[in-house]
Amino acid sequence: MPRINLLPWREQQRKERKLAFTVGLGAATLAALVAAFAAYLWLGSMIDAQQQRNTLLKTEIAKLDRQIEEINNLEAQKQKFISRMQIIEKLQRSRPEIVHVFDTLVKTIPDGTYLTAVTQTGSRLQIHGIAQSSTRVSSFMRSIDASQWLKNPELEVVESKKENPYGSDFTLYAEQATSLGEDDGSATSKPGKAGAKKGAAR
């Protein structure tokens, strides 16, 4: 016996379409949620990886900062060492200068004049002495000015005192010609050669 559908076919078709739409909407929503969750996990993993890279960079930067600080400390120590070496070399070069200075003082003192004190501050010498006359002091200053190890004599005072029957007290200043010893070894040897020539001439 044939079956006859008495229900309206349009109503049945509408329900089927509504059901298909609901199922499709649910599937789309589910797919969107899955995609959002996957994107969240992917972004989270990227953020974690970037944070790890940042941490690694910070660690390496801290190491580089420590290395730079060590290099700066080494540079400072190097500069201190170089300064000390320069001071030592300067002192070694200046060792014979004081000998030449005293030798010059002995050779330039005229007769009738003797020294009571010599004080040196840096390259400046303060010379105290007694001379029989101011003429001998002038001669002493000219000899200093003509010497190779002393220069720029300046007279501070010449005074006669009753308690000093030997002459007048004088005080003068002179500068040590340190440049002769600072240039090189050949410069240091020049005064010796000059002195040898003077000695040979005499």
C-alpha atoms as a PDB file:
ATOM      1  CA  MET A   1       0.000   0.000   0.000  1.00  0.00           C
ATOM      2  CA  PRO A   2       1.646   3.313  -0.932  1.00  0.00           C
ATOM      3  CA  ARG A   3       2.527   5.819   1.884  1.00  0.00           C
ATOM      4  CA  ILE A   4       1.117   9.256   1.549  1.00  0.00           C
ATOM      5  CA  ASN A   5       2.767  12.133   3.436  1.00  0.00           C
ATOM      6  CA  LEU A   6       0.029  14.306   4.679  1.00  0.00           C
ATOM      7  CA  LEU A   7       2.373  16.872   6.331  1.00  0.00           C
ATOM      8  CA  PRO A   8       2.958  20.074   4.474  1.00  0.00           C
ATOM      9  CA  TRP A   9       6.231  19.612   2.576  1.00  0.00           C
ATOM     10  CA  ARG A  10       7.197  23.248   2.873  1.00  0.00           C
ATOM     11  CA  GLU A  11       7.115  23.195   6.673  1.00  0.00           C
ATOM     12  CA  GLN A  12       9.284  20.097   6.722  1.00  0.00           C
ATOM     13  CA  GLN A  13      11.783  21.701   4.356  1.00  0.00           C
ATOM     14  CA  ARG A  14      11.942  24.863   6.509  1.00  0.00           C
ATOM     15  CA  LYS A  15      12.737  22.789   9.614  1.00  0.00           C
ATOM     16  CA  GLU A  16      15.461  20.896   7.796  1.00  0.00           C
ATOM     17  CA  ARG A  17      17.061  24.174   6.632  1.00  0.00           C
ATOM     18  CA  LYS A  18      16.854  25.640  10.122  1.00  0.00           C
ATOM     19  CA  LEU A  19      18.501  22.555  11.556  1.00  0.00           C
ATOM     20  CA  ALA A  20      21.260  22.685   8.935  1.00  0.00           C
ATOM     21  CA  PHE A  21      21.812  26.382   9.648  1.00  0.00           C
ATOM     22  CA  THR A  22      22.016  25.731  13.392  1.00  0.00           C
ATOM     23  CA  VAL A  23      24.474  22.879  12.879  1.00  0.00           C
ATOM     24  CA  GLY A  24      26.590  25.004  10.529  1.00  0.00           C
ATOM     25  CA  LEU A  25      26.561  27.956  12.920  1.00  0.00           C
ATOM     26  CA  GLY A  26      27.626  25.705  15.793  1.00  0.00           C
ATOM     27  CA  ALA A  27      30.393  24.192  13.686  1.00  0.00           C
ATOM     28  CA  ALA A  28      31.600  27.655  12.640  1.00  0.00           C
ATOM     29  CA  THR A  29      31.537  28.851  16.242  1.00  0.00           C
ATOM     30  CA  LEU A  30      33.437  25.780  17.362  1.00  0.00           C
ATOM     31  CA  ALA A  31      35.964  26.256  14.568  1.00  0.00           C
ATOM     32  CA  ALA A  32      36.354  29.921  15.521  1.00  0.00           C
ATOM     33  CA  LEU A  33      36.921  28.980  19.165  1.00  0.00           C
ATOM     34  CA  VAL A  34      39.471  26.344  18.198  1.00  0.00           C
ATOM     35  CA  ALA A  35      41.236  28.829  15.924  1.00  0.00           C
ATOM     36  CA  ALA A  36      41.219  31.488  18.664  1.00  0.00           C
ATOM     37  CA  PHE A  37      42.588  29.008  21.196  1.00  0.00           C
ATOM     38  CA  ALA A  38      45.295  27.901  18.770  1.00  0.00           C
ATOM     39  CA  ALA A  39      46.193  31.538  18.057  1.00  0.00           C
ATOM     40  CA  TYR A  40      46.328  32.196  21.798  1.00  0.00           C
ATOM     41  CA  LEU A  41      48.660  29.256  22.327  1.00  0.00           C
ATOM     42  CA  TRP A  42      50.787  30.309  19.348  1.00  0.00           C
ATOM     43  CA  LEU A  43      51.060  33.908  20.566  1.00  0.00           C
ATOM     44  CA  GLY A  44      51.838  32.663  24.080  1.00  0.00           C
ATOM     45  CA  SER A  45      54.636  30.461  22.772  1.00  0.00           C
ATOM     46  CA  MET A  46      56.006  33.382  20.728  1.00  0.00           C
ATOM     47  CA  ILE A  47      55.886  35.635  23.784  1.00  0.00           C
ATOM     48  CA  ASP A  48      57.662  33.012  25.909  1.00  0.00           C
ATOM     49  CA  ALA A  49      60.315  32.529  23.232  1.00  0.00           C
ATOM     50  CA  GLN A  50      60.841  36.295  22.969  1.00  0.00           C
ATOM     51  CA  GLN A  51      61.083  36.577  26.759  1.00  0.00           C
ATOM     52  CA  GLN A  52      63.689  33.825  26.752  1.00  0.00           C
ATOM     53  CA  ARG A  53      65.613  35.662  24.049  1.00  0.00           C
ATOM     54  CA  ASN A  54      65.345  38.904  26.048  1.00  0.00           C
ATOM     55  CA  THR A  55      66.619  37.138  29.153  1.00  0.00           C
ATOM     56  CA  LEU A  56      69.511  35.677  27.173  1.00  0.00           C
ATOM     57  CA  LEU A  57      70.310  39.110  25.719  1.00  0.00           C
ATOM     58  CA  LYS A  58      70.220  40.703  29.168  1.00  0.00           C
ATOM     59  CA  THR A  59      72.578  38.018  30.477  1.00  0.00           C
ATOM     60  CA  GLU A  60      74.997  38.511  27.578  1.00  0.00           C
ATOM     61  CA  ILE A  61      74.802  42.287  27.932  1.00  0.00           C
ATOM     62  CA  ALA A  62      75.623  41.967  31.628  1.00  0.00           C
ATOM     63  CA  LYS A  63      78.625  39.790  30.726  1.00  0.00           C
ATOM     64  CA  LEU A  64      79.757  42.351  28.156  1.00  0.00           C
ATOM     65  CA  ASP A  65      79.357  45.149  30.718  1.00  0.00           C
ATOM     66  CA  ARG A  66      81.561  43.225  33.143  1.00  0.00           C
ATOM     67  CA  GLN A  67      84.123  42.609  30.417  1.00  0.00           C
ATOM     68  CA  ILE A  68      84.068  46.289  29.438  1.00  0.00           C
ATOM     69  CA  GLU A  69      84.539  47.256  33.079  1.00  0.00           C
ATOM     70  CA  GLU A  70      87.479  44.867  33.339  1.00  0.00           C
ATOM     71  CA  ILE A  71      88.958  46.336  30.147  1.00  0.00           C
ATOM     72  CA  ASN A  72      88.533  49.858  31.540  1.00  0.00           C
ATOM     73  CA  ASN A  73      90.217  48.783  34.763  1.00  0.00           C
ATOM     74  CA  LEU A  74      93.065  47.277  32.772  1.00  0.00           C
ATOM     75  CA  GLU A  75      93.362  50.493  30.760  1.00  0.00           C
ATOM     76  CA  ALA A  76      93.457  52.535  33.968  1.00  0.00           C
ATOM     77  CA  GLN A  77      96.119  50.232  35.415  1.00  0.00           C
ATOM     78  CA  LYS A  78      98.038  50.482  32.141  1.00  0.00           C
ATOM     79  CA  GLN A  79      97.941  54.281  32.267  1.00  0.00           C
ATOM     80  CA  LYS A  80      99.095  54.233  35.902  1.00  0.00           C
ATOM     81  CA  PHE A  81     101.906  51.869  34.983  1.00  0.00           C
ATOM     82  CA  ILE A  82     102.925  54.056  32.034  1.00  0.00           C
ATOM     83  CA  SER A  83     102.852  57.146  34.269  1.00  0.00           C
ATOM     84  CA  ARG A  84     105.030  55.400  36.851  1.00  0.00           C
ATOM     85  CA  MET A  85     107.439  54.277  34.147  1.00  0.00           C
ATOM     86  CA  GLN A  86     107.633  57.822  32.805  1.00  0.00           C
ATOM     87  CA  ILE A  87     108.311  59.163  36.300  1.00  0.00           C
ATOM     88  CA  ILE A  88     110.987  56.521  36.867  1.00  0.00           C
ATOM     89  CA  GLU A  89     112.593  57.295  33.497  1.00  0.00           C
ATOM     90  CA  LYS A  90     112.467  61.006  34.246  1.00  0.00           C
ATOM     91  CA  LEU A  91     114.070  60.445  37.638  1.00  0.00           C
ATOM     92  CA  GLN A  92     116.736  58.258  36.084  1.00  0.00           C
ATOM     93  CA  ARG A  93     117.481  60.922  33.481  1.00  0.00           C
ATOM     94  CA  SER A  94     117.543  63.656  36.119  1.00  0.00           C
ATOM     95  CA  ARG A  95     119.901  61.823  38.478  1.00  0.00           C
ATOM     96  CA  PRO A  96     123.089  63.242  36.939  1.00  0.00           C
ATOM     97  CA  GLU A  97     121.555  66.710  36.618  1.00  0.00           C
ATOM     98  CA  ILE A  98     121.948  67.590  40.283  1.00  0.00           C
ATOM     99  CA  VAL A  99     125.630  66.656  40.004  1.00  0.00           C
ATOM    100  CA  HIS A 100     125.999  69.033  37.063  1.00  0.00           C
ATOM    101  CA  VAL A 101     124.104  71.721  38.981  1.00  0.00           C
ATOM    102  CA  PHE A 102     126.455  71.566  41.971  1.00  0.00           C
ATOM    103  CA  ASP A 103     129.451  71.372  39.667  1.00  0.00           C
ATOM    104  CA  THR A 104     128.153  74.482  37.887  1.00  0.00           C
ATOM    105  CA  LEU A 105     127.676  76.286  41.196  1.00  0.00           C
ATOM    106  CA  VAL A 106     131.243  75.467  42.201  1.00  0.00           C
ATOM    107  CA  LYS A 107     132.633  76.659  38.869  1.00  0.00           C
ATOM    108  CA  THR A 108     130.588  79.862  38.709  1.00  0.00           C
ATOM    109  CA  ILE A 109     131.248  81.158  42.243  1.00  0.00           C
ATOM    110  CA  PRO A 110     133.706  84.067  41.954  1.00  0.00           C
ATOM    111  CA  ASP A 111     136.478  84.732  44.407  1.00  0.00           C
ATOM    112  CA  GLY A 112     135.379  86.503  47.561  1.00  0.00           C
ATOM    113  CA  THR A 113     131.988  84.765  47.505  1.00  0.00           C
ATOM    114  CA  TYR A 114     130.763  81.663  49.286  1.00  0.00           C
ATOM    115  CA  LEU A 115     127.365  80.030  49.658  1.00  0.00           C
ATOM    116  CA  THR A 116     125.579  79.358  52.916  1.00  0.00           C
ATOM    117  CA  ALA A 117     122.482  77.481  51.663  1.00  0.00           C
ATOM    118  CA  VAL A 118     120.977  76.118  48.454  1.00  0.00           C
ATOM    119  CA  THR A 119     117.317  75.101  48.364  1.00  0.00           C
ATOM    120  CA  GLN A 120     115.621  73.516  45.359  1.00  0.00           C
ATOM    121  CA  THR A 121     111.867  73.495  44.719  1.00  0.00           C
ATOM    122  CA  GLY A 122     111.094  71.716  41.479  1.00  0.00           C
ATOM    123  CA  SER A 123     113.504  73.215  38.962  1.00  0.00           C
ATOM    124  CA  ARG A 124     113.903  76.498  40.885  1.00  0.00           C
ATOM    125  CA  LEU A 125     116.899  77.019  43.159  1.00  0.00           C
ATOM    126  CA  GLN A 126     117.147  79.524  45.999  1.00  0.00           C
ATOM    127  CA  ILE A 127     120.758  80.416  46.697  1.00  0.00           C
ATOM    128  CA  HIS A 128     121.931  82.175  49.870  1.00  0.00           C
ATOM    129  CA  GLY A 129     125.477  83.377  50.279  1.00  0.00           C
ATOM    130  CA  ILE A 130     127.898  86.053  51.351  1.00  0.00           C
ATOM    131  CA  ALA A 131     129.900  88.214  48.957  1.00  0.00           C
ATOM    132  CA  GLN A 132     132.529  90.825  49.618  1.00  0.00           C
ATOM    133  CA  SER A 133     130.756  93.246  47.267  1.00  0.00           C
ATOM    134  CA  SER A 134     127.713  93.527  45.035  1.00  0.00           C
ATOM    135  CA  THR A 135     130.051  93.411  42.042  1.00  0.00           C
ATOM    136  CA  ARG A 136     130.922  89.814  42.892  1.00  0.00           C
ATOM    137  CA  VAL A 137     127.210  89.007  43.117  1.00  0.00           C
ATOM    138  CA  SER A 138     126.714  90.477  39.628  1.00  0.00           C
ATOM    139  CA  SER A 139     129.630  88.406  38.362  1.00  0.00           C
ATOM    140  CA  PHE A 140     128.115  85.324  39.939  1.00  0.00           C
ATOM    141  CA  MET A 141     124.795  86.002  38.196  1.00  0.00           C
ATOM    142  CA  ARG A 142     126.496  86.500  34.821  1.00  0.00           C
ATOM    143  CA  SER A 143     128.323  83.203  35.244  1.00  0.00           C
ATOM    144  CA  ILE A 144     125.056  81.468  36.058  1.00  0.00           C
ATOM    145  CA  ASP A 145     123.373  82.969  33.011  1.00  0.00           C
ATOM    146  CA  ALA A 146     126.241  81.785  30.792  1.00  0.00           C
ATOM    147  CA  SER A 147     126.237  78.249  32.170  1.00  0.00           C
ATOM    148  CA  GLN A 148     124.529  75.273  30.529  1.00  0.00           C
ATOM    149  CA  TRP A 149     122.826  73.819  33.617  1.00  0.00           C
ATOM    150  CA  LEU A 150     121.485  76.985  35.257  1.00  0.00           C
ATOM    151  CA  LYS A 151     119.567  79.886  33.755  1.00  0.00           C
ATOM    152  CA  ASN A 152     117.487  82.991  34.499  1.00  0.00           C
ATOM    153  CA  PRO A 153     119.245  84.280  37.627  1.00  0.00           C
ATOM    154  CA  GLU A 154     117.145  86.706  39.666  1.00  0.00           C
ATOM    155  CA  LEU A 155     118.527  88.704  42.550  1.00  0.00           C
ATOM    156  CA  GLU A 156     116.185  89.034  45.508  1.00  0.00           C
ATOM    157  CA  VAL A 157     118.225  90.976  48.060  1.00  0.00           C
ATOM    158  CA  VAL A 158     121.734  92.142  48.908  1.00  0.00           C
ATOM    159  CA  GLU A 159     122.167  93.594  52.367  1.00  0.00           C
ATOM    160  CA  SER A 160     125.045  94.439  54.614  1.00  0.00           C
ATOM    161  CA  LYS A 161     124.813  93.498  58.273  1.00  0.00           C
ATOM    162  CA  LYS A 162     126.965  94.805  61.076  1.00  0.00           C
ATOM    163  CA  GLU A 163     127.194  91.364  62.642  1.00  0.00           C
ATOM    164  CA  ASN A 164     128.641  90.001  59.397  1.00  0.00           C
ATOM    165  CA  PRO A 165     132.139  91.457  58.860  1.00  0.00           C
ATOM    166  CA  TYR A 166     132.867  89.231  55.875  1.00  0.00           C
ATOM    167  CA  GLY A 167     130.619  90.971  53.378  1.00  0.00           C
ATOM    168  CA  SER A 168     127.024  91.340  52.298  1.00  0.00           C
ATOM    169  CA  ASP A 169     124.355  88.665  52.530  1.00  0.00           C
ATOM    170  CA  PHE A 170     122.601  87.963  49.253  1.00  0.00           C
ATOM    171  CA  THR A 171     119.747  85.822  48.053  1.00  0.00           C
ATOM    172  CA  LEU A 172     119.142  84.993  44.422  1.00  0.00           C
ATOM    173  CA  TYR A 173     117.106  82.534  42.395  1.00  0.00           C
ATOM    174  CA  ALA A 174     118.020  80.443  39.368  1.00  0.00           C
ATOM    175  CA  GLU A 175     116.314  77.790  37.322  1.00  0.00           C
ATOM    176  CA  GLN A 176     117.715  74.386  36.525  1.00  0.00           C
ATOM    177  CA  ALA A 177     117.965  73.739  32.778  1.00  0.00           C
ATOM    178  CA  THR A 178     116.243  70.360  32.971  1.00  0.00           C
ATOM    179  CA  SER A 179     115.520  70.296  29.225  1.00  0.00           C
ATOM    180  CA  LEU A 180     119.109  69.250  28.640  1.00  0.00           C
ATOM    181  CA  GLY A 181     118.486  66.020  30.435  1.00  0.00           C
ATOM    182  CA  GLU A 182     114.951  65.408  29.196  1.00  0.00           C
ATOM    183  CA  ASP A 183     115.597  65.303  25.456  1.00  0.00           C
ATOM    184  CA  ASP A 184     117.748  62.193  25.144  1.00  0.00           C
ATOM    185  CA  GLY A 185     121.024  60.689  26.216  1.00  0.00           C
ATOM    186  CA  SER A 186     123.003  62.702  23.697  1.00  0.00           C
ATOM    187  CA  ALA A 187     121.697  65.936  25.205  1.00  0.00           C
ATOM    188  CA  THR A 188     122.938  64.822  28.610  1.00  0.00           C
ATOM    189  CA  SER A 189     126.376  64.194  27.236  1.00  0.00           C
ATOM    190  CA  LYS A 190     126.760  67.641  25.683  1.00  0.00           C
ATOM    191  CA  PRO A 191     127.674  69.487  28.894  1.00  0.00           C
ATOM    192  CA  GLY A 192     130.302  66.869  29.618  1.00  0.00           C
ATOM    193  CA  LYS A 193     131.855  67.349  26.202  1.00  0.00           C
ATOM    194  CA  ALA A 194     131.715  71.107  26.622  1.00  0.00           C
ATOM    195  CA  GLY A 195     133.322  70.820  30.028  1.00  0.00           C
ATOM    196  CA  ALA A 196     135.991  68.562  28.594  1.00  0.00           C
ATOM    197  CA  LYS A 197     136.734  71.100  25.899  1.00  0.00           C
ATOM    198  CA  LYS A 198     136.943  73.870  28.500  1.00  0.00           C
ATOM    199  CA  GLY A 199     139.258  71.758  30.573  1.00  0.00           C
ATOM    200  CA  ALA A 200     141.420  71.030  27.542  1.00  0.00           C
ATOM    201  CA  ALA A 201     141.501  74.714  26.648  1.00  0.00           C
ATOM    202  CA  ARG A 202     142.627  75.621  30.145  1.00  0.00           C
END
